[in-house]
PDB file of N, CA and C in Angstrom:
ATOM      1  N   UNK A   1       1.190  -1.434  -0.022  1.00  0.00           N
ATOM      2  CA  UNK A   1       0.054   0.114   0.028  1.00  0.00           C
ATOM      3  C   UNK A   1       0.854   1.167  -0.139  1.00  0.00           C
ATOM      4  N   UNK A   2       0.568   2.292  -1.061  1.00  0.00           N
ATOM      5  CA  UNK A   2       1.287   3.401  -1.031  1.00  0.00           C
ATOM      6  C   UNK A   2       0.718   4.565  -0.057  1.00  0.00           C
ATOM      7  N   UNK A   3       1.639   5.455   0.341  1.00  0.00           N
ATOM      8  CA  UNK A   3       1.700   6.135   1.284  1.00  0.00           C
ATOM      9  C   UNK A   3       0.794   7.610   0.628  1.00  0.00           C
ATOM     10  N   UNK A   4       0.167   8.409   1.304  1.00  0.00           N
ATOM     11  CA  UNK A   4      -0.613   9.476   0.783  1.00  0.00           C
ATOM     12  C   UNK A   4      -0.137  10.546   1.489  1.00  0.00           C
ATOM     13  N   UNK A   5       0.520  10.436   2.729  1.00  0.00           N
ATOM     14  CA  UNK A   5       0.757  11.649   3.580  1.00  0.00           C
ATOM     15  C   UNK A   5       2.095  10.923   4.306  1.00  0.00           C
ATOM     16  N   UNK A   6       3.242  11.699   4.313  1.00  0.00           N
ATOM     17  CA  UNK A   6       4.556  11.343   5.001  1.00  0.00           C
ATOM     18  C   UNK A   6       5.036  12.572   5.296  1.00  0.00           C
ATOM     19  N   UNK A   7       5.416  12.519   6.875  1.00  0.00           N
ATOM     20  CA  UNK A   7       5.853  13.789   6.972  1.00  0.00           C
ATOM     21  C   UNK A   7       7.196  13.189   8.340  1.00  0.00           C
ATOM     22  N   UNK A   8       8.528  13.823   8.358  1.00  0.00           N
ATOM     23  CA  UNK A   8       9.556  13.300   9.114  1.00  0.00           C
ATOM     24  C   UNK A   8      10.226  14.459   9.711  1.00  0.00           C
ATOM     25  N   UNK A   9      10.232  14.466  10.906  1.00  0.00           N
ATOM     26  CA  UNK A   9      10.571  15.594  11.628  1.00  0.00           C
ATOM     27  C   UNK A   9      10.339  17.187  11.461  1.00  0.00           C
ATOM     28  N   UNK A  10       8.713  17.084  11.192  1.00  0.00           N
ATOM     29  CA  UNK A  10       8.132  18.218  10.753  1.00  0.00           C
ATOM     30  C   UNK A  10       8.501  19.082  12.066  1.00  0.00           C
ATOM     31  N   UNK A  11       8.606  20.123  11.693  1.00  0.00           N
ATOM     32  CA  UNK A  11       8.417  21.511  12.556  1.00  0.00           C
ATOM     33  C   UNK A  11       7.624  22.853  12.071  1.00  0.00           C
ATOM     34  N   UNK A  12       6.910  23.338  12.681  1.00  0.00           N
ATOM     35  CA  UNK A  12       6.166  24.681  12.158  1.00  0.00           C
ATOM     36  C   UNK A  12       5.629  25.809  13.237  1.00  0.00           C
ATOM     37  N   UNK A  13       6.286  26.859  12.651  1.00  0.00           N
ATOM     38  CA  UNK A  13       6.761  27.843  13.824  1.00  0.00           C
ATOM     39  C   UNK A  13       5.566  28.959  13.397  1.00  0.00           C
ATOM     40  N   UNK A  14       4.755  29.653  14.347  1.00  0.00           N
ATOM     41  CA  UNK A  14       4.138  30.793  13.922  1.00  0.00           C
ATOM     42  C   UNK A  14       5.079  32.035  14.016  1.00  0.00           C
ATOM     43  N   UNK A  15       5.001  32.780  13.230  1.00  0.00           N
ATOM     44  CA  UNK A  15       5.981  34.111  13.464  1.00  0.00           C
ATOM     45  C   UNK A  15       6.974  33.622  13.333  1.00  0.00           C
ATOM     46  N   UNK A  16       7.908  34.114  13.913  1.00  0.00           N
ATOM     47  CA  UNK A  16       9.577  34.062  13.994  1.00  0.00           C
ATOM     48  C   UNK A  16      10.183  33.289  14.543  1.00  0.00           C
ATOM     49  N   UNK A  17       9.442  33.239  15.964  1.00  0.00           N
ATOM     50  CA  UNK A  17       9.981  32.477  17.060  1.00  0.00           C
ATOM     51  C   UNK A  17       9.031  31.688  17.979  1.00  0.00           C
ATOM     52  N   UNK A  18       7.894  31.395  17.375  1.00  0.00           N
ATOM     53  CA  UNK A  18       6.929  30.711  18.364  1.00  0.00           C
ATOM     54  C   UNK A  18       6.876  29.231  17.872  1.00  0.00           C
ATOM     55  N   UNK A  19       7.688  28.254  17.890  1.00  0.00           N
ATOM     56  CA  UNK A  19       7.417  26.907  17.579  1.00  0.00           C
ATOM     57  C   UNK A  19       6.281  26.225  18.514  1.00  0.00           C
ATOM     58  N   UNK A  20       5.536  25.493  17.299  1.00  0.00           N
ATOM     59  CA  UNK A  20       4.262  25.059  17.856  1.00  0.00           C
ATOM     60  C   UNK A  20       4.325  23.482  17.348  1.00  0.00           C
ATOM     61  N   UNK A  21       5.033  23.100  16.160  1.00  0.00           N
ATOM     62  CA  UNK A  21       4.753  21.623  16.121  1.00  0.00           C
ATOM     63  C   UNK A  21       6.716  21.554  16.061  1.00  0.00           C
ATOM     64  N   UNK A  22       7.158  20.358  16.934  1.00  0.00           N
ATOM     65  CA  UNK A  22       8.263  20.213  16.684  1.00  0.00           C
ATOM     66  C   UNK A  22       8.795  18.676  16.482  1.00  0.00           C
ATOM     67  N   UNK A  23       9.471  18.606  15.572  1.00  0.00           N
ATOM     68  CA  UNK A  23       9.787  17.203  15.515  1.00  0.00           C
ATOM     69  C   UNK A  23       8.461  15.914  15.268  1.00  0.00           C
ATOM     70  N   UNK A  24       7.415  16.410  14.273  1.00  0.00           N
ATOM     71  CA  UNK A  24       6.517  15.145  14.448  1.00  0.00           C
ATOM     72  C   UNK A  24       6.533  14.380  12.934  1.00  0.00           C
ATOM     73  N   UNK A  25       6.300  13.314  13.131  1.00  0.00           N
ATOM     74  CA  UNK A  25       6.724  12.481  12.022  1.00  0.00           C
ATOM     75  C   UNK A  25       5.529  11.277  12.033  1.00  0.00           C
ATOM     76  N   UNK A  26       4.928  11.041  10.669  1.00  0.00           N
ATOM     77  CA  UNK A  26       3.820  10.271  10.458  1.00  0.00           C
ATOM     78  C   UNK A  26       3.743   9.671   8.968  1.00  0.00           C
ATOM     79  N   UNK A  27       3.116   8.735   9.041  1.00  0.00           N
ATOM     80  CA  UNK A  27       3.019   8.090   7.744  1.00  0.00           C
ATOM     81  C   UNK A  27       1.651   7.669   7.591  1.00  0.00           C
ATOM     82  N   UNK A  28       0.747   8.211   6.448  1.00  0.00           N
ATOM     83  CA  UNK A  28      -0.727   7.882   6.286  1.00  0.00           C
ATOM     84  C   UNK A  28      -0.687   6.919   4.916  1.00  0.00           C
ATOM     85  N   UNK A  29      -1.327   5.997   4.910  1.00  0.00           N
ATOM     86  CA  UNK A  29      -1.187   5.042   3.722  1.00  0.00           C
ATOM     87  C   UNK A  29      -2.591   5.183   3.096  1.00  0.00           C
ATOM     88  N   UNK A  30      -3.039   5.001   1.683  1.00  0.00           N
ATOM     89  CA  UNK A  30      -3.985   5.030   0.911  1.00  0.00           C
ATOM     90  C   UNK A  30      -5.110   4.261   1.605  1.00  0.00           C
ATOM     91  N   UNK A  31      -6.193   4.795   1.868  1.00  0.00           N
ATOM     92  CA  UNK A  31      -7.528   4.215   2.431  1.00  0.00           C
ATOM     93  C   UNK A  31      -7.305   3.887   4.011  1.00  0.00           C
ATOM     94  N   UNK A  32      -6.356   4.344   4.522  1.00  0.00           N
ATOM     95  CA  UNK A  32      -6.232   4.593   6.218  1.00  0.00           C
ATOM     96  C   UNK A  32      -7.205   5.648   6.663  1.00  0.00           C
ATOM     97  N   UNK A  33      -7.848   5.128   7.770  1.00  0.00           N
ATOM     98  CA  UNK A  33      -8.583   6.047   8.143  1.00  0.00           C
ATOM     99  C   UNK A  33      -7.790   6.557   9.485  1.00  0.00           C
ATOM    100  N   UNK A  34      -7.730   7.785   9.851  1.00  0.00           N
ATOM    101  CA  UNK A  34      -6.561   8.026  11.080  1.00  0.00           C
ATOM    102  C   UNK A  34      -7.501   9.400  12.052  1.00  0.00           C
ATOM    103  N   UNK A  35      -6.968   9.562  13.169  1.00  0.00           N
ATOM    104  CA  UNK A  35      -7.683  10.761  14.354  1.00  0.00           C
ATOM    105  C   UNK A  35      -6.311  11.418  14.599  1.00  0.00           C
ATOM    106  N   UNK A  36      -6.434  12.330  14.673  1.00  0.00           N
ATOM    107  CA  UNK A  36      -5.571  13.177  15.355  1.00  0.00           C
ATOM    108  C   UNK A  36      -6.170  13.840  16.580  1.00  0.00           C
ATOM    109  N   UNK A  37      -5.595  13.305  17.779  1.00  0.00           N
ATOM    110  CA  UNK A  37      -6.439  13.761  19.019  1.00  0.00           C
ATOM    111  C   UNK A  37      -4.918  14.494  19.871  1.00  0.00           C
ATOM    112  N   UNK A  38      -5.727  15.163  21.175  1.00  0.00           N
ATOM    113  CA  UNK A  38      -4.773  16.039  21.734  1.00  0.00           C
ATOM    114  C   UNK A  38      -5.675  17.169  22.604  1.00  0.00           C
ATOM    115  N   UNK A  39      -4.758  17.548  23.441  1.00  0.00           N
ATOM    116  CA  UNK A  39      -5.281  18.784  24.142  1.00  0.00           C
ATOM    117  C   UNK A  39      -5.443  20.031  23.491  1.00  0.00           C
ATOM    118  N   UNK A  40      -6.344  20.870  24.033  1.00  0.00           N
ATOM    119  CA  UNK A  40      -6.570  21.976  23.107  1.00  0.00           C
ATOM    120  C   UNK A  40      -5.197  22.618  23.600  1.00  0.00           C
ATOM    121  N   UNK A  41      -5.103  23.326  22.380  1.00  0.00           N
ATOM    122  CA  UNK A  41      -3.621  24.202  22.000  1.00  0.00           C
ATOM    123  C   UNK A  41      -2.507  22.879  21.872  1.00  0.00           C
ATOM    124  N   UNK A  42      -2.715  22.063  21.434  1.00  0.00           N
ATOM    125  CA  UNK A  42      -1.480  21.216  21.326  1.00  0.00           C
ATOM    126  C   UNK A  42      -1.011  20.960  20.125  1.00  0.00           C
ATOM    127  N   UNK A  43      -1.606  21.848  18.990  1.00  0.00           N
ATOM    128  CA  UNK A  43      -1.144  21.516  17.715  1.00  0.00           C
ATOM    129  C   UNK A  43      -1.723  20.562  16.451  1.00  0.00           C
ATOM    130  N   UNK A  44      -3.135  20.289  16.957  1.00  0.00           N
ATOM    131  CA  UNK A  44      -3.825  19.867  15.905  1.00  0.00           C
ATOM    132  C   UNK A  44      -4.077  19.829  14.691  1.00  0.00           C
ATOM    133  N   UNK A  45      -4.508  21.197  15.020  1.00  0.00           N
ATOM    134  CA  UNK A  45      -5.244  22.186  13.822  1.00  0.00           C
ATOM    135  C   UNK A  45      -3.896  22.383  12.963  1.00  0.00           C
ATOM    136  N   UNK A  46      -2.968  23.059  13.822  1.00  0.00           N
ATOM    137  CA  UNK A  46      -1.593  23.410  12.865  1.00  0.00           C
ATOM    138  C   UNK A  46      -1.298  22.299  12.324  1.00  0.00           C
ATOM    139  N   UNK A  47      -1.005  21.154  12.527  1.00  0.00           N
ATOM    140  CA  UNK A  47      -0.695  19.826  11.702  1.00  0.00           C
ATOM    141  C   UNK A  47      -1.491  19.805  10.289  1.00  0.00           C
ATOM    142  N   UNK A  48      -2.916  20.013  10.754  1.00  0.00           N
ATOM    143  CA  UNK A  48      -3.869  20.019   9.780  1.00  0.00           C
ATOM    144  C   UNK A  48      -3.582  20.896   8.526  1.00  0.00           C
ATOM    145  N   UNK A  49      -3.376  22.371   8.853  1.00  0.00           N
ATOM    146  CA  UNK A  49      -3.159  23.495   8.143  1.00  0.00           C
ATOM    147  C   UNK A  49      -1.871  23.064   7.360  1.00  0.00           C
ATOM    148  N   UNK A  50      -0.603  22.528   8.088  1.00  0.00           N
ATOM    149  CA  UNK A  50       0.551  22.185   7.353  1.00  0.00           C
ATOM    150  C   UNK A  50       0.461  20.984   5.738  1.00  0.00           C
ATOM    151  N   UNK A  51      -0.636  20.184   6.197  1.00  0.00           N
ATOM    152  CA  UNK A  51      -1.077  19.058   5.239  1.00  0.00           C
ATOM    153  C   UNK A  51      -1.818  19.809   3.840  1.00  0.00           C
ATOM    154  N   UNK A  52      -2.189  20.840   4.352  1.00  0.00           N
ATOM    155  CA  UNK A  52      -3.111  21.471   3.091  1.00  0.00           C
ATOM    156  C   UNK A  52      -2.676  22.706   2.322  1.00  0.00           C
ATOM    157  N   UNK A  53      -1.498  23.057   3.266  1.00  0.00           N
ATOM    158  CA  UNK A  53      -0.187  24.369   2.590  1.00  0.00           C
ATOM    159  C   UNK A  53      -0.774  25.529   3.142  1.00  0.00           C
ATOM    160  N   UNK A  54      -1.927  25.597   4.112  1.00  0.00           N
ATOM    161  CA  UNK A  54      -1.757  27.025   4.649  1.00  0.00           C
ATOM    162  C   UNK A  54      -0.633  27.386   5.442  1.00  0.00           C
ATOM    163  N   UNK A  55      -0.112  26.576   6.343  1.00  0.00           N
ATOM    164  CA  UNK A  55       1.175  26.949   6.922  1.00  0.00           C
ATOM    165  C   UNK A  55       2.384  25.647   6.380  1.00  0.00           C
ATOM    166  N   UNK A  56       3.467  26.576   6.015  1.00  0.00           N
ATOM    167  CA  UNK A  56       4.416  25.555   5.337  1.00  0.00           C
ATOM    168  C   UNK A  56       5.309  25.360   6.702  1.00  0.00           C
ATOM    169  N   UNK A  57       5.999  23.861   6.599  1.00  0.00           N
ATOM    170  CA  UNK A  57       6.950  23.721   7.565  1.00  0.00           C
ATOM    171  C   UNK A  57       8.072  24.328   7.506  1.00  0.00           C
ATOM    172  N   UNK A  58       8.861  24.922   8.774  1.00  0.00           N
ATOM    173  CA  UNK A  58       9.909  25.285   8.626  1.00  0.00           C
ATOM    174  C   UNK A  58      11.182  24.268   8.842  1.00  0.00           C
ATOM    175  N   UNK A  59      10.723  23.006   9.284  1.00  0.00           N
ATOM    176  CA  UNK A  59      11.985  22.232   9.127  1.00  0.00           C
ATOM    177  C   UNK A  59      11.261  20.652   8.838  1.00  0.00           C
ATOM    178  N   UNK A  60      12.076  19.781   8.410  1.00  0.00           N
ATOM    179  CA  UNK A  60      11.731  18.479   8.743  1.00  0.00           C
ATOM    180  C   UNK A  60      11.322  18.310   6.715  1.00  0.00           C
ATOM    181  N   UNK A  61      10.615  16.756   6.779  1.00  0.00           N
ATOM    182  CA  UNK A  61      10.419  17.070   5.228  1.00  0.00           C
ATOM    183  C   UNK A  61       8.736  16.439   5.379  1.00  0.00           C
ATOM    184  N   UNK A  62       7.968  17.181   4.396  1.00  0.00           N
ATOM    185  CA  UNK A  62       6.586  16.788   4.221  1.00  0.00           C
ATOM    186  C   UNK A  62       6.504  16.457   2.804  1.00  0.00           C
ATOM    187  N   UNK A  63       5.416  15.328   2.374  1.00  0.00           N
ATOM    188  CA  UNK A  63       5.051  14.868   1.079  1.00  0.00           C
ATOM    189  C   UNK A  63       3.718  14.384   1.265  1.00  0.00           C
ATOM    190  N   UNK A  64       2.812  15.402   0.425  1.00  0.00           N
ATOM    191  CA  UNK A  64       1.396  14.825   0.453  1.00  0.00           C
ATOM    192  C   UNK A  64       1.109  14.827  -0.796  1.00  0.00           C
ATOM    193  N   UNK A  65       0.240  13.547  -1.402  1.00  0.00           N
ATOM    194  CA  UNK A  65      -0.138  12.939  -2.343  1.00  0.00           C
ATOM    195  C   UNK A  65       1.044  13.067  -3.767  1.00  0.00           C
ATOM    196  N   UNK A  66       2.290  12.765  -3.164  1.00  0.00           N
ATOM    197  CA  UNK A  66       3.477  13.111  -4.201  1.00  0.00           C
ATOM    198  C   UNK A  66       4.029  14.416  -4.182  1.00  0.00           C
ATOM    199  N   UNK A  67       3.618  15.327  -3.698  1.00  0.00           N
ATOM    200  CA  UNK A  67       4.020  16.842  -3.574  1.00  0.00           C
ATOM    201  C   UNK A  67       4.886  17.019  -2.532  1.00  0.00           C
ATOM    202  N   UNK A  68       6.475  17.206  -3.120  1.00  0.00           N
ATOM    203  CA  UNK A  68       7.447  17.947  -1.725  1.00  0.00           C
ATOM    204  C   UNK A  68       7.050  18.863  -1.503  1.00  0.00           C
ATOM    205  N   UNK A  69       6.960  19.070  -0.443  1.00  0.00           N
ATOM    206  CA  UNK A  69       6.714  20.719   0.252  1.00  0.00           C
ATOM    207  C   UNK A  69       7.845  21.519   0.228  1.00  0.00           C
ATOM    208  N   UNK A  70       9.229  21.097   0.207  1.00  0.00           N
ATOM    209  CA  UNK A  70      10.092  21.891   0.049  1.00  0.00           C
ATOM    210  C   UNK A  70      10.274  22.455  -1.460  1.00  0.00           C
ATOM    211  N   UNK A  71       9.301  22.063  -2.365  1.00  0.00           N
ATOM    212  CA  UNK A  71       9.186  22.321  -3.498  1.00  0.00           C
ATOM    213  C   UNK A  71       8.464  23.553  -4.036  1.00  0.00           C
ATOM    214  N   UNK A  72       7.641  23.943  -2.839  1.00  0.00           N
ATOM    215  CA  UNK A  72       6.428  25.029  -3.276  1.00  0.00           C
ATOM    216  C   UNK A  72       6.941  25.990  -2.497  1.00  0.00           C
TER     217      UNK A  72
END
């Protein structure tokens, strides 16, 4: 089964110096159903926003449906 989303060492920062996500890694394969859970303010929405490109990661590797976000 091929992956649809692959993140390795992902980091997302709001502004210049407010890290929200540090060193997140995940692989989601085609036809998998996943939940992203956590406390309020833990970065769930930030992860989703980075997956559809509203927030670009400032470190790590992110590939969604064959698109390498380093090339965006």
